[in-house]
Amino acid sequence: MHFEAWSQLTRGQDGVVVGTTLSGHDVTAQQRQLRSLGIESRLLAAMLDNLDLAVWAIDKQSNFVLQRGKALQTAGLKRDQFVGQNYFDLYGDLENVEDIRRAIAGEASLALSTEVYGIHWTSWTLPTLDDEELALVSVALDVTDSKRTEIELRAKLDLIERQQEVIRQLSTPIIEVWDGVITLPIVGLVDTVRTAEIMDNLLQAVTRTRARFAILDLTGVEVVDTGTASHLIRMIQSIRLLGAEGILTGIHPTIAQTIVSLGVDLTRVAVFGKLRDALVFCLGKLGKLSRVKA
């Protein structure tokens, strides 16, 4: 326990000390409070000196009363550099100025992003309504490094997406081999996702080129599952709905077996063993169409 004590001498008529009076009271609670304030003060000082923080406060007239923190040096500022100057005179043109006005009015602004002095900040602005002098206190964290990393990561993701788009286009090259005839050579593994992409690209190409014939060359595909085979058949049907004729070429025996197992009727679909035969068929049809139009 902690005590404050004082003493007073008692003297006789001749001035000789005949006793002492001791008085005191318990100040344990007061000492604990002072010790706690000391710890909080040292803790705050350690944070401001070592973390990339900038702490500032303004009074009821919007004048700076405090500027502290290690991050001030990064921004090229000195401690308490703007104390006595008006916040809105200095930073009235910033994008977040309305957030500061709302904070003065009593609305806290939490984790807002701003850029000042070429530095990216995440700031928390807290009103001090019960204080007779202060209007608000703001804590800003320098997040420039993480922001730069985020921008670089976003740029890499954009690049990856563009590369994937190029790969998708290369993996489904639609070639206009003749006026009114397009062909799509499919190579490699064909799964449900890729088949959906192929269908979308092919239908757009049929519409764009106004093709009369669309040849799907499966020479480079050896195996498809039943789901993919169903997609291929639906692709042919979708092409027909656009006013074009879908043609299959280069079907491997295993693919033929899969299609047969599905019980799909291909009697209305032109099927050829080679791409050359399909082209001859299309050109013959186009020739007949030309003669009919003539």
C-alpha atoms as a PDB file:
ATOM      1  CA  MET A   1       0.000   0.000   0.000  1.00  0.00           C
ATOM      2  CA  HIS A   2       1.023   3.605  -0.565  1.00  0.00           C
ATOM      3  CA  PHE A   3       0.627   6.413   1.970  1.00  0.00           C
ATOM      4  CA  GLU A   4       1.145  10.124   2.040  1.00  0.00           C
ATOM      5  CA  ALA A   5       2.236  11.207   5.524  1.00  0.00           C
ATOM      6  CA  TRP A   6       3.400  14.352   7.320  1.00  0.00           C
ATOM      7  CA  SER A   7       4.502  15.119  10.854  1.00  0.00           C
ATOM      8  CA  GLN A   8       4.293  18.034  13.261  1.00  0.00           C
ATOM      9  CA  LEU A   9       6.462  18.535  16.377  1.00  0.00           C
ATOM     10  CA  THR A  10       4.854  19.354  19.691  1.00  0.00           C
ATOM     11  CA  ARG A  11       6.872  21.678  21.996  1.00  0.00           C
ATOM     12  CA  GLY A  12       6.486  22.624  25.613  1.00  0.00           C
ATOM     13  CA  GLN A  13       6.412  26.159  27.009  1.00  0.00           C
ATOM     14  CA  ASP A  14      10.162  26.197  27.127  1.00  0.00           C
ATOM     15  CA  GLY A  15      10.370  25.223  23.454  1.00  0.00           C
ATOM     16  CA  VAL A  16      11.584  21.749  24.132  1.00  0.00           C
ATOM     17  CA  VAL A  17      10.129  19.040  21.835  1.00  0.00           C
ATOM     18  CA  VAL A  18       7.846  16.905  23.895  1.00  0.00           C
ATOM     19  CA  GLY A  19       6.180  14.850  21.113  1.00  0.00           C
ATOM     20  CA  THR A  20       5.343  14.395  17.447  1.00  0.00           C
ATOM     21  CA  THR A  21       2.004  14.198  15.677  1.00  0.00           C
ATOM     22  CA  LEU A  22       1.917  11.961  12.594  1.00  0.00           C
ATOM     23  CA  SER A  23      -0.875  12.242  10.004  1.00  0.00           C
ATOM     24  CA  GLY A  24      -1.413  10.407   6.751  1.00  0.00           C
ATOM     25  CA  HIS A  25      -3.833   8.812   4.306  1.00  0.00           C
ATOM     26  CA  ASP A  26      -3.973   5.928   1.848  1.00  0.00           C
ATOM     27  CA  VAL A  27      -2.967   6.930  -1.718  1.00  0.00           C
ATOM     28  CA  THR A  28      -2.688   3.410  -3.163  1.00  0.00           C
ATOM     29  CA  ALA A  29      -5.470   3.977  -5.719  1.00  0.00           C
ATOM     30  CA  GLN A  30      -3.936   7.282  -6.788  1.00  0.00           C
ATOM     31  CA  GLN A  31      -0.511   5.711  -7.236  1.00  0.00           C
ATOM     32  CA  ARG A  32      -1.955   2.875  -9.266  1.00  0.00           C
ATOM     33  CA  GLN A  33      -3.700   5.358 -11.530  1.00  0.00           C
ATOM     34  CA  LEU A  34      -0.512   7.364 -11.993  1.00  0.00           C
ATOM     35  CA  ARG A  35       1.433   4.179 -12.704  1.00  0.00           C
ATOM     36  CA  SER A  36      -1.211   3.126 -15.240  1.00  0.00           C
ATOM     37  CA  LEU A  37      -1.020   6.522 -16.932  1.00  0.00           C
ATOM     38  CA  GLY A  38       2.730   6.189 -17.054  1.00  0.00           C
ATOM     39  CA  ILE A  39       2.515   2.762 -18.695  1.00  0.00           C
ATOM     40  CA  GLU A  40      -0.051   4.013 -21.222  1.00  0.00           C
ATOM     41  CA  SER A  41       2.128   7.017 -21.982  1.00  0.00           C
ATOM     42  CA  ARG A  42       5.205   4.876 -22.561  1.00  0.00           C
ATOM     43  CA  LEU A  43       3.172   2.423 -24.635  1.00  0.00           C
ATOM     44  CA  LEU A  44       1.809   5.209 -26.842  1.00  0.00           C
ATOM     45  CA  ALA A  45       5.276   6.727 -27.222  1.00  0.00           C
ATOM     46  CA  ALA A  46       6.737   3.341 -28.236  1.00  0.00           C
ATOM     47  CA  MET A  47       4.004   2.866 -30.849  1.00  0.00           C
ATOM     48  CA  LEU A  48       4.424   6.332 -32.328  1.00  0.00           C
ATOM     49  CA  ASP A  49       8.209   6.038 -32.433  1.00  0.00           C
ATOM     50  CA  ASN A  50       8.378   2.579 -33.997  1.00  0.00           C
ATOM     51  CA  LEU A  51       5.250   1.988 -36.077  1.00  0.00           C
ATOM     52  CA  ASP A  52       4.359   3.638 -39.397  1.00  0.00           C
ATOM     53  CA  LEU A  53       1.697   5.755 -37.745  1.00  0.00           C
ATOM     54  CA  ALA A  54       0.707   9.399 -37.878  1.00  0.00           C
ATOM     55  CA  VAL A  55      -1.538  10.717 -35.101  1.00  0.00           C
ATOM     56  CA  TRP A  56      -3.085  14.161 -35.161  1.00  0.00           C
ATOM     57  CA  ALA A  57      -5.827  16.077 -33.378  1.00  0.00           C
ATOM     58  CA  ILE A  58      -7.722  19.282 -34.042  1.00  0.00           C
ATOM     59  CA  ASP A  59      -9.669  21.525 -31.700  1.00  0.00           C
ATOM     60  CA  LYS A  60     -13.188  22.913 -31.976  1.00  0.00           C
ATOM     61  CA  GLN A  61     -11.948  25.600 -34.377  1.00  0.00           C
ATOM     62  CA  SER A  62     -10.421  22.881 -36.644  1.00  0.00           C
ATOM     63  CA  ASN A  63      -6.869  23.961 -35.763  1.00  0.00           C
ATOM     64  CA  PHE A  64      -4.128  21.379 -35.284  1.00  0.00           C
ATOM     65  CA  VAL A  65      -3.168  20.870 -31.653  1.00  0.00           C
ATOM     66  CA  LEU A  66      -0.990  17.764 -32.098  1.00  0.00           C
ATOM     67  CA  GLN A  67       0.971  15.895 -34.797  1.00  0.00           C
ATOM     68  CA  ARG A  68       3.020  12.868 -33.832  1.00  0.00           C
ATOM     69  CA  GLY A  69       4.274   9.591 -35.244  1.00  0.00           C
ATOM     70  CA  LYS A  70       7.102   7.955 -37.168  1.00  0.00           C
ATOM     71  CA  ALA A  71       5.148   8.127 -40.441  1.00  0.00           C
ATOM     72  CA  LEU A  72       5.420  11.929 -40.415  1.00  0.00           C
ATOM     73  CA  GLN A  73       9.090  11.584 -41.362  1.00  0.00           C
ATOM     74  CA  THR A  74       8.139   9.413 -44.342  1.00  0.00           C
ATOM     75  CA  ALA A  75       5.777  12.174 -45.468  1.00  0.00           C
ATOM     76  CA  GLY A  76       8.521  14.779 -45.057  1.00  0.00           C
ATOM     77  CA  LEU A  77       6.846  16.452 -42.090  1.00  0.00           C
ATOM     78  CA  LYS A  78       8.121  17.408 -38.650  1.00  0.00           C
ATOM     79  CA  ARG A  79       6.540  16.753 -35.294  1.00  0.00           C
ATOM     80  CA  ASP A  80       3.768  19.305 -34.573  1.00  0.00           C
ATOM     81  CA  GLN A  81       4.660  21.115 -37.818  1.00  0.00           C
ATOM     82  CA  PHE A  82       1.112  22.386 -38.450  1.00  0.00           C
ATOM     83  CA  VAL A  83       0.066  23.001 -34.827  1.00  0.00           C
ATOM     84  CA  GLY A  84      -1.985  26.202 -34.720  1.00  0.00           C
ATOM     85  CA  GLN A  85      -2.905  26.036 -38.423  1.00  0.00           C
ATOM     86  CA  ASN A  86      -6.393  25.256 -39.698  1.00  0.00           C
ATOM     87  CA  TYR A  87      -6.969  21.764 -41.086  1.00  0.00           C
ATOM     88  CA  PHE A  88      -9.291  22.882 -43.893  1.00  0.00           C
ATOM     89  CA  ASP A  89      -6.892  25.623 -45.005  1.00  0.00           C
ATOM     90  CA  LEU A  90      -4.207  22.959 -45.468  1.00  0.00           C
ATOM     91  CA  TYR A  91      -6.205  19.922 -46.631  1.00  0.00           C
ATOM     92  CA  GLY A  92      -9.556  21.304 -47.759  1.00  0.00           C
ATOM     93  CA  ASP A  93      -9.075  19.941 -51.283  1.00  0.00           C
ATOM     94  CA  LEU A  94      -8.603  16.285 -50.261  1.00  0.00           C
ATOM     95  CA  GLU A  95     -11.155  13.681 -51.300  1.00  0.00           C
ATOM     96  CA  ASN A  96     -11.887  12.680 -47.709  1.00  0.00           C
ATOM     97  CA  VAL A  97     -12.544  16.223 -46.439  1.00  0.00           C
ATOM     98  CA  GLU A  98     -16.258  15.480 -46.006  1.00  0.00           C
ATOM     99  CA  ASP A  99     -15.353  12.521 -43.770  1.00  0.00           C
ATOM    100  CA  ILE A 100     -13.483  14.959 -41.522  1.00  0.00           C
ATOM    101  CA  ARG A 101     -16.499  17.267 -41.386  1.00  0.00           C
ATOM    102  CA  ARG A 102     -18.737  14.350 -40.421  1.00  0.00           C
ATOM    103  CA  ALA A 103     -16.231  13.288 -37.754  1.00  0.00           C
ATOM    104  CA  ILE A 104     -16.318  16.802 -36.270  1.00  0.00           C
ATOM    105  CA  ALA A 105     -20.114  16.484 -36.219  1.00  0.00           C
ATOM    106  CA  GLY A 106     -19.815  13.232 -34.287  1.00  0.00           C
ATOM    107  CA  GLU A 107     -19.655  10.451 -36.909  1.00  0.00           C
ATOM    108  CA  ALA A 108     -16.580   8.233 -36.708  1.00  0.00           C
ATOM    109  CA  SER A 109     -14.745   7.285 -39.910  1.00  0.00           C
ATOM    110  CA  LEU A 110     -13.095   3.885 -39.708  1.00  0.00           C
ATOM    111  CA  ALA A 111     -10.485   2.304 -41.992  1.00  0.00           C
ATOM    112  CA  LEU A 112     -10.779   4.841 -44.811  1.00  0.00           C
ATOM    113  CA  SER A 113      -8.187   4.872 -47.608  1.00  0.00           C
ATOM    114  CA  THR A 114      -6.573   8.099 -48.787  1.00  0.00           C
ATOM    115  CA  GLU A 115      -3.454   9.206 -50.605  1.00  0.00           C
ATOM    116  CA  VAL A 116      -1.541  12.234 -49.325  1.00  0.00           C
ATOM    117  CA  TYR A 117       2.090  13.218 -50.025  1.00  0.00           C
ATOM    118  CA  GLY A 118       2.327  10.245 -52.377  1.00  0.00           C
ATOM    119  CA  ILE A 119       1.667   7.877 -49.464  1.00  0.00           C
ATOM    120  CA  HIS A 120      -1.308   5.544 -49.127  1.00  0.00           C
ATOM    121  CA  TRP A 121      -2.968   5.734 -45.716  1.00  0.00           C
ATOM    122  CA  THR A 122      -5.627   3.791 -43.875  1.00  0.00           C
ATOM    123  CA  SER A 123      -7.057   6.107 -41.243  1.00  0.00           C
ATOM    124  CA  TRP A 124      -9.436   6.026 -38.288  1.00  0.00           C
ATOM    125  CA  THR A 125     -10.947   9.397 -37.363  1.00  0.00           C
ATOM    126  CA  LEU A 126     -12.727   9.530 -34.018  1.00  0.00           C
ATOM    127  CA  PRO A 127     -14.811  12.460 -32.702  1.00  0.00           C
ATOM    128  CA  THR A 128     -14.279  13.637 -29.113  1.00  0.00           C
ATOM    129  CA  LEU A 129     -17.706  15.065 -28.326  1.00  0.00           C
ATOM    130  CA  ASP A 130     -17.221  15.014 -24.546  1.00  0.00           C
ATOM    131  CA  ASP A 131     -14.007  17.019 -24.698  1.00  0.00           C
ATOM    132  CA  GLU A 132     -14.339  20.768 -24.265  1.00  0.00           C
ATOM    133  CA  GLU A 133     -11.299  21.546 -26.424  1.00  0.00           C
ATOM    134  CA  LEU A 134     -10.673  18.709 -28.906  1.00  0.00           C
ATOM    135  CA  ALA A 135     -12.954  18.048 -31.897  1.00  0.00           C
ATOM    136  CA  LEU A 136     -11.406  14.818 -33.108  1.00  0.00           C
ATOM    137  CA  VAL A 137      -8.387  12.548 -33.041  1.00  0.00           C
ATOM    138  CA  SER A 138      -7.162  10.696 -36.125  1.00  0.00           C
ATOM    139  CA  VAL A 139      -4.763   7.768 -36.468  1.00  0.00           C
ATOM    140  CA  ALA A 140      -3.360   7.018 -39.934  1.00  0.00           C
ATOM    141  CA  LEU A 141      -1.324   3.944 -40.890  1.00  0.00           C
ATOM    142  CA  ASP A 142       1.125   4.041 -43.806  1.00  0.00           C
ATOM    143  CA  VAL A 143       0.043   1.140 -46.055  1.00  0.00           C
ATOM    144  CA  THR A 144       2.035   2.178 -49.138  1.00  0.00           C
ATOM    145  CA  ASP A 145       3.996  -1.074 -49.333  1.00  0.00           C
ATOM    146  CA  SER A 146       0.902  -3.264 -49.068  1.00  0.00           C
ATOM    147  CA  LYS A 147      -0.939  -1.016 -51.540  1.00  0.00           C
ATOM    148  CA  ARG A 148       1.948  -1.308 -53.993  1.00  0.00           C
ATOM    149  CA  THR A 149       1.902  -5.085 -53.559  1.00  0.00           C
ATOM    150  CA  GLU A 150      -1.857  -5.090 -54.139  1.00  0.00           C
ATOM    151  CA  ILE A 151      -1.470  -3.051 -57.345  1.00  0.00           C
ATOM    152  CA  GLU A 152       1.303  -5.347 -58.594  1.00  0.00           C
ATOM    153  CA  LEU A 153      -0.790  -8.414 -57.761  1.00  0.00           C
ATOM    154  CA  ARG A 154      -3.812  -6.970 -59.560  1.00  0.00           C
ATOM    155  CA  ALA A 155      -1.646  -6.222 -62.603  1.00  0.00           C
ATOM    156  CA  LYS A 156      -0.347  -9.806 -62.583  1.00  0.00           C
ATOM    157  CA  LEU A 157      -3.878 -11.170 -62.306  1.00  0.00           C
ATOM    158  CA  ASP A 158      -4.976  -8.985 -65.231  1.00  0.00           C
ATOM    159  CA  LEU A 159      -2.027 -10.267 -67.249  1.00  0.00           C
ATOM    160  CA  ILE A 160      -2.891 -13.870 -66.377  1.00  0.00           C
ATOM    161  CA  GLU A 161      -6.499 -13.300 -67.429  1.00  0.00           C
ATOM    162  CA  ARG A 162      -5.369 -11.800 -70.756  1.00  0.00           C
ATOM    163  CA  GLN A 163      -2.998 -14.704 -71.298  1.00  0.00           C
ATOM    164  CA  GLN A 164      -5.751 -17.182 -70.511  1.00  0.00           C
ATOM    165  CA  GLU A 165      -8.016 -15.431 -73.007  1.00  0.00           C
ATOM    166  CA  VAL A 166      -5.313 -15.705 -75.678  1.00  0.00           C
ATOM    167  CA  ILE A 167      -4.834 -19.386 -74.813  1.00  0.00           C
ATOM    168  CA  ARG A 168      -8.575 -19.976 -75.066  1.00  0.00           C
ATOM    169  CA  GLN A 169      -8.673 -18.300 -78.448  1.00  0.00           C
ATOM    170  CA  LEU A 170      -5.680 -20.307 -79.654  1.00  0.00           C
ATOM    171  CA  SER A 171      -7.196 -23.526 -78.332  1.00  0.00           C
ATOM    172  CA  THR A 172     -10.385 -22.874 -80.317  1.00  0.00           C
ATOM    173  CA  PRO A 173      -9.173 -21.354 -83.619  1.00  0.00           C
ATOM    174  CA  ILE A 174     -12.181 -20.682 -85.838  1.00  0.00           C
ATOM    175  CA  ILE A 175     -11.095 -20.428 -89.482  1.00  0.00           C
ATOM    176  CA  GLU A 176     -13.199 -19.042 -92.301  1.00  0.00           C
ATOM    177  CA  VAL A 177     -12.009 -21.371 -95.071  1.00  0.00           C
ATOM    178  CA  TRP A 178     -14.529 -20.142 -97.642  1.00  0.00           C
ATOM    179  CA  ASP A 179     -17.221 -17.571 -97.968  1.00  0.00           C
ATOM    180  CA  GLY A 180     -19.995 -19.053 -95.847  1.00  0.00           C
ATOM    181  CA  VAL A 181     -17.882 -21.932 -94.487  1.00  0.00           C
ATOM    182  CA  ILE A 182     -16.054 -21.923 -91.141  1.00  0.00           C
ATOM    183  CA  THR A 183     -14.145 -24.738 -89.509  1.00  0.00           C
ATOM    184  CA  LEU A 184     -13.124 -25.382 -85.950  1.00  0.00           C
ATOM    185  CA  PRO A 185     -10.281 -27.879 -85.462  1.00  0.00           C
ATOM    186  CA  ILE A 186     -10.472 -29.179 -81.891  1.00  0.00           C
ATOM    187  CA  VAL A 187      -7.250 -30.552 -80.415  1.00  0.00           C
ATOM    188  CA  GLY A 188      -6.456 -32.110 -77.028  1.00  0.00           C
ATOM    189  CA  LEU A 189      -8.589 -32.835 -74.008  1.00  0.00           C
ATOM    190  CA  VAL A 190     -12.187 -31.708 -74.283  1.00  0.00           C
ATOM    191  CA  ASP A 191     -14.026 -31.406 -70.988  1.00  0.00           C
ATOM    192  CA  THR A 192     -17.335 -29.824 -70.089  1.00  0.00           C
ATOM    193  CA  VAL A 193     -15.847 -26.363 -69.357  1.00  0.00           C
ATOM    194  CA  ARG A 194     -13.881 -26.204 -72.592  1.00  0.00           C
ATOM    195  CA  THR A 195     -16.854 -27.468 -74.591  1.00  0.00           C
ATOM    196  CA  ALA A 196     -18.961 -24.604 -73.220  1.00  0.00           C
ATOM    197  CA  GLU A 197     -16.276 -22.112 -74.323  1.00  0.00           C
ATOM    198  CA  ILE A 198     -16.090 -23.749 -77.763  1.00  0.00           C
ATOM    199  CA  MET A 199     -19.850 -23.533 -78.158  1.00  0.00           C
ATOM    200  CA  ASP A 200     -19.944 -19.869 -77.190  1.00  0.00           C
ATOM    201  CA  ASN A 201     -17.102 -18.936 -79.570  1.00  0.00           C
ATOM    202  CA  LEU A 202     -18.512 -21.009 -82.420  1.00  0.00           C
ATOM    203  CA  LEU A 203     -22.041 -19.610 -82.180  1.00  0.00           C
ATOM    204  CA  GLN A 204     -20.676 -16.077 -82.100  1.00  0.00           C
ATOM    205  CA  ALA A 205     -18.547 -16.820 -85.179  1.00  0.00           C
ATOM    206  CA  VAL A 206     -21.555 -18.260 -87.050  1.00  0.00           C
ATOM    207  CA  THR A 207     -23.521 -15.089 -86.298  1.00  0.00           C
ATOM    208  CA  ARG A 208     -20.628 -12.752 -87.096  1.00  0.00           C
ATOM    209  CA  THR A 209     -19.661 -14.370 -90.418  1.00  0.00           C
ATOM    210  CA  ARG A 210     -23.198 -15.409 -91.380  1.00  0.00           C
ATOM    211  CA  ALA A 211     -21.801 -18.830 -92.171  1.00  0.00           C
ATOM    212  CA  ARG A 212     -23.959 -21.446 -93.878  1.00  0.00           C
ATOM    213  CA  PHE A 213     -21.759 -24.327 -92.734  1.00  0.00           C
ATOM    214  CA  ALA A 214     -19.752 -24.914 -89.543  1.00  0.00           C
ATOM    215  CA  ILE A 215     -17.363 -27.865 -89.582  1.00  0.00           C
ATOM    216  CA  LEU A 216     -16.234 -29.370 -86.251  1.00  0.00           C
ATOM    217  CA  ASP A 217     -13.046 -31.311 -86.913  1.00  0.00           C
ATOM    218  CA  LEU A 218     -12.460 -33.822 -84.088  1.00  0.00           C
ATOM    219  CA  THR A 219      -9.350 -35.405 -85.636  1.00  0.00           C
ATOM    220  CA  GLY A 220      -7.195 -34.184 -82.719  1.00  0.00           C
ATOM    221  CA  VAL A 221      -9.575 -35.533 -80.044  1.00  0.00           C
ATOM    222  CA  GLU A 222      -9.355 -39.165 -79.076  1.00  0.00           C
ATOM    223  CA  VAL A 223     -11.565 -39.419 -76.001  1.00  0.00           C
ATOM    224  CA  VAL A 224     -14.616 -37.557 -74.702  1.00  0.00           C
ATOM    225  CA  ASP A 225     -16.928 -38.396 -71.838  1.00  0.00           C
ATOM    226  CA  THR A 226     -20.676 -38.739 -72.175  1.00  0.00           C
ATOM    227  CA  GLY A 227     -21.269 -35.206 -70.886  1.00  0.00           C
ATOM    228  CA  THR A 228     -18.926 -33.702 -73.477  1.00  0.00           C
ATOM    229  CA  ALA A 229     -20.495 -35.779 -76.244  1.00  0.00           C
ATOM    230  CA  SER A 230     -23.902 -34.426 -75.266  1.00  0.00           C
ATOM    231  CA  HIS A 231     -22.514 -30.875 -75.449  1.00  0.00           C
ATOM    232  CA  LEU A 232     -21.183 -31.530 -78.972  1.00  0.00           C
ATOM    233  CA  ILE A 233     -24.588 -32.730 -80.125  1.00  0.00           C
ATOM    234  CA  ARG A 234     -26.287 -29.709 -78.564  1.00  0.00           C
ATOM    235  CA  MET A 235     -23.706 -27.549 -80.341  1.00  0.00           C
ATOM    236  CA  ILE A 236     -24.796 -28.980 -83.685  1.00  0.00           C
ATOM    237  CA  GLN A 237     -28.437 -28.347 -82.787  1.00  0.00           C
ATOM    238  CA  SER A 238     -27.671 -24.745 -81.741  1.00  0.00           C
ATOM    239  CA  ILE A 239     -25.881 -24.109 -85.032  1.00  0.00           C
ATOM    240  CA  ARG A 240     -28.993 -25.310 -86.881  1.00  0.00           C
ATOM    241  CA  LEU A 241     -31.138 -22.846 -84.926  1.00  0.00           C
ATOM    242  CA  LEU A 242     -28.938 -20.023 -86.258  1.00  0.00           C
ATOM    243  CA  GLY A 243     -29.701 -21.081 -89.829  1.00  0.00           C
ATOM    244  CA  ALA A 244     -26.412 -22.908 -90.465  1.00  0.00           C
ATOM    245  CA  GLU A 245     -25.566 -26.584 -90.858  1.00  0.00           C
ATOM    246  CA  GLY A 246     -23.183 -28.270 -88.447  1.00  0.00           C
ATOM    247  CA  ILE A 247     -20.858 -30.934 -89.798  1.00  0.00           C
ATOM    248  CA  LEU A 248     -18.691 -33.427 -87.885  1.00  0.00           C
ATOM    249  CA  THR A 249     -15.395 -34.783 -89.218  1.00  0.00           C
ATOM    250  CA  GLY A 250     -12.561 -36.941 -87.919  1.00  0.00           C
ATOM    251  CA  ILE A 251     -14.538 -38.853 -85.295  1.00  0.00           C
ATOM    252  CA  HIS A 252     -12.419 -41.506 -83.550  1.00  0.00           C
ATOM    253  CA  PRO A 253     -13.924 -44.959 -82.890  1.00  0.00           C
ATOM    254  CA  THR A 254     -14.077 -44.385 -79.127  1.00  0.00           C
ATOM    255  CA  ILE A 255     -15.967 -41.123 -79.631  1.00  0.00           C
ATOM    256  CA  ALA A 256     -18.337 -42.886 -82.027  1.00  0.00           C
ATOM    257  CA  GLN A 257     -19.021 -45.514 -79.380  1.00  0.00           C
ATOM    258  CA  THR A 258     -19.749 -42.823 -76.787  1.00  0.00           C
ATOM    259  CA  ILE A 259     -22.183 -41.045 -79.094  1.00  0.00           C
ATOM    260  CA  VAL A 260     -23.928 -44.321 -79.926  1.00  0.00           C
ATOM    261  CA  SER A 261     -24.219 -45.197 -76.234  1.00  0.00           C
ATOM    262  CA  LEU A 262     -26.109 -41.954 -75.711  1.00  0.00           C
ATOM    263  CA  GLY A 263     -28.662 -43.038 -78.294  1.00  0.00           C
ATOM    264  CA  VAL A 264     -28.225 -39.798 -80.271  1.00  0.00           C
ATOM    265  CA  ASP A 265     -29.813 -39.704 -83.727  1.00  0.00           C
ATOM    266  CA  LEU A 266     -27.236 -38.311 -86.182  1.00  0.00           C
ATOM    267  CA  THR A 267     -29.245 -39.056 -89.316  1.00  0.00           C
ATOM    268  CA  ARG A 268     -29.749 -35.342 -89.934  1.00  0.00           C
ATOM    269  CA  VAL A 269     -26.094 -34.472 -89.253  1.00  0.00           C
ATOM    270  CA  ALA A 270     -23.501 -34.650 -92.014  1.00  0.00           C
ATOM    271  CA  VAL A 271     -20.543 -36.732 -90.830  1.00  0.00           C
ATOM    272  CA  PHE A 272     -17.294 -37.209 -92.770  1.00  0.00           C
ATOM    273  CA  GLY A 273     -14.082 -39.036 -92.078  1.00  0.00           C
ATOM    274  CA  LYS A 274     -11.828 -36.223 -93.337  1.00  0.00           C
ATOM    275  CA  LEU A 275     -11.963 -32.445 -93.305  1.00  0.00           C
ATOM    276  CA  ARG A 276     -11.310 -32.419 -97.076  1.00  0.00           C
ATOM    277  CA  ASP A 277     -14.463 -34.435 -97.724  1.00  0.00           C
ATOM    278  CA  ALA A 278     -16.492 -32.035 -95.597  1.00  0.00           C
ATOM    279  CA  LEU A 279     -15.119 -29.036 -97.522  1.00  0.00           C
ATOM    280  CA  VAL A 280     -16.002 -30.656-100.837  1.00  0.00           C
ATOM    281  CA  PHE A 281     -19.522 -31.279 -99.498  1.00  0.00           C
ATOM    282  CA  CYS A 282     -19.916 -27.651 -98.371  1.00  0.00           C
ATOM    283  CA  LEU A 283     -18.588 -26.183-101.617  1.00  0.00           C
ATOM    284  CA  GLY A 284     -20.898 -28.429-103.600  1.00  0.00           C
ATOM    285  CA  LYS A 285     -23.856 -27.257-101.532  1.00  0.00           C
ATOM    286  CA  LEU A 286     -22.829 -23.608-101.939  1.00  0.00           C
ATOM    287  CA  GLY A 287     -22.531 -24.145-105.688  1.00  0.00           C
ATOM    288  CA  LYS A 288     -26.037 -25.528-105.805  1.00  0.00           C
ATOM    289  CA  LEU A 289     -27.287 -22.641-103.728  1.00  0.00           C
ATOM    290  CA  SER A 290     -25.632 -20.177-106.100  1.00  0.00           C
ATOM    291  CA  ARG A 291     -27.279 -21.818-109.089  1.00  0.00           C
ATOM    292  CA  VAL A 292     -30.647 -21.724-107.368  1.00  0.00           C
ATOM    293  CA  LYS A 293     -30.231 -18.011-106.597  1.00  0.00           C
ATOM    294  CA  ALA A 294     -29.102 -17.346-110.178  1.00  0.00           C
END
